[in-house]
Structures are given as C-alpha cells and as structure tokens.
C-alpha cells in the first residue's frame, strides 16, 4: 500500500476563487514558478518510486525537443539554486530532504523528475498549435502521457467537455503571446476517494474515476504555471500537485467546497 502524502497548508482555493474557477482562469504569476511545500520529502520519495517502476509511462521526449529539455533543466537548476534548502553543484544536487541527485544532461527529463515536486511538460508550436513534445508526468490526474504525447492542444483536451474550439483558440492565442518574462498560472480541483498521487490507469479502458460523497474523500488541486523558455521558445507547463483530506480542511473551506458542487 502506498503511503498517504498530504499537504496541510491551503495556499489557494481554486473552487471559490472568481478568477481561478473559470476557464482558462489564468493570471499573471507573482513569485516563484516552482514551489517547495511541506509535502516535499514525501512527494519526492514517491517520485523516485514511480520513476523506477513506471518510467516508460511517465517520461517521454521527442528527440527534436532535446535542446528545450536541456534548457529547462538549466532553468530549474538556476531556480532551485536560489532556495537555501538546495545545494547545487556542477554534477550533483543535494536536495532539502538530504537526497543527492546526479545531474545527467543526457537524460534531462529523468533528472528533472528527481529535483522538484512539479511535473513538467514541454509544448512546441508545430503548425497552428502547440504540441506536447516532452514531459515528466509522475503524478498524473487520470490521463495517460502515452495518449497525449506528440498531440496538439485540441486533441489533448478532447475528453474535456468544457474545452470548446473557442476556448482552444483563446488558449492558443495566450500561448502565442506569453513572453519569457511574463509567466502565468492557474489552478484546477477534483475530488477523489483516495490520496494516491499517480491516478492515471496504466492500461486503456479503465473505469471512470470514483467520486466520494460530498464532504468526504480527498481534494486534489494542481497549481499550473505556463512560461516560455527564452532560448528555444518552447512552452513549459508545470504542475504542482496538492492533496488534502477534505475532513481536515478548515470549516469555511469545507463549506465553500460543498457549495461549489461535486467534481
């Protein structure tokens, strides 16, 4: 049985924030794009297990996107180098939880998987749309990387009823306009009957996600940032996953979640 890894702090409430609760719900990012929170040690231990056991399902990279992946690795190293909890050296990084990670530039996505809590996706514009050309996705929320890899944005979001062609055009315009110095962020939320971080089925045709009764189960929210790499121009979509026990939320948060309805 997997250990239960939960956050205790509630830095945002996507379900009752008037900006975050509508699609696409993006706003300018203020502060760091990578977050290290109280669940760091537990989530990083889970990432190591998933990477060892499910790498083929959780790490993919188009060879043409390798320069962007290396650029992303350098960007992450520069970012965590500003965090006093990390010790960044030329060939290894000492994480805040005491784990040493070797820097393998021949495996940039696999290395990134062990450095930060975020899952990281690379999207490159090919034709009229951005295409998912690389990712480390170890905390998937009921979608499989193999089904989305090398697919354009509209195809990626095809199962999402709310992602209409009009919304897709607006999102594409936003991607086209984002500059390296102007990242944005958004958040989503769903409820689950368990706290597992890997929620994607390993095989196609899995049963739909089980939803708990209102006021029970676990609340899962993703803090998603979108930024442009300055050299290659490839977009980075980062996903920081939070999981809370609904019963442990502050009373006003539980009440507002109930008012928001089941998702």
Foldseek 3Di string as FASTA:
>chain_A
DQDFQAAQDDPDFLLPDPQQVDPPSKDWDDDDPADDGPSNVVLLVLLVVCCVVPVVFFWAADPVCLVVLLLVLVVVLVVCVVPPLKDDDPFWIQGNVRDIQGDDSVRSQSSVSNHGQKKKWWWDDDDQFTATRIIGGRQDDADTCVLRHRHGDCSNCVVPPVCDPVSVVVVSVVLVPAAQVTKMKHKDKAFAQERDRHDYDPDPPDDDGDHDDQQFGKMKMWIWMWHARHPPRIIMIITRIHIHTSPSDPPVSSVSSVVSPHD
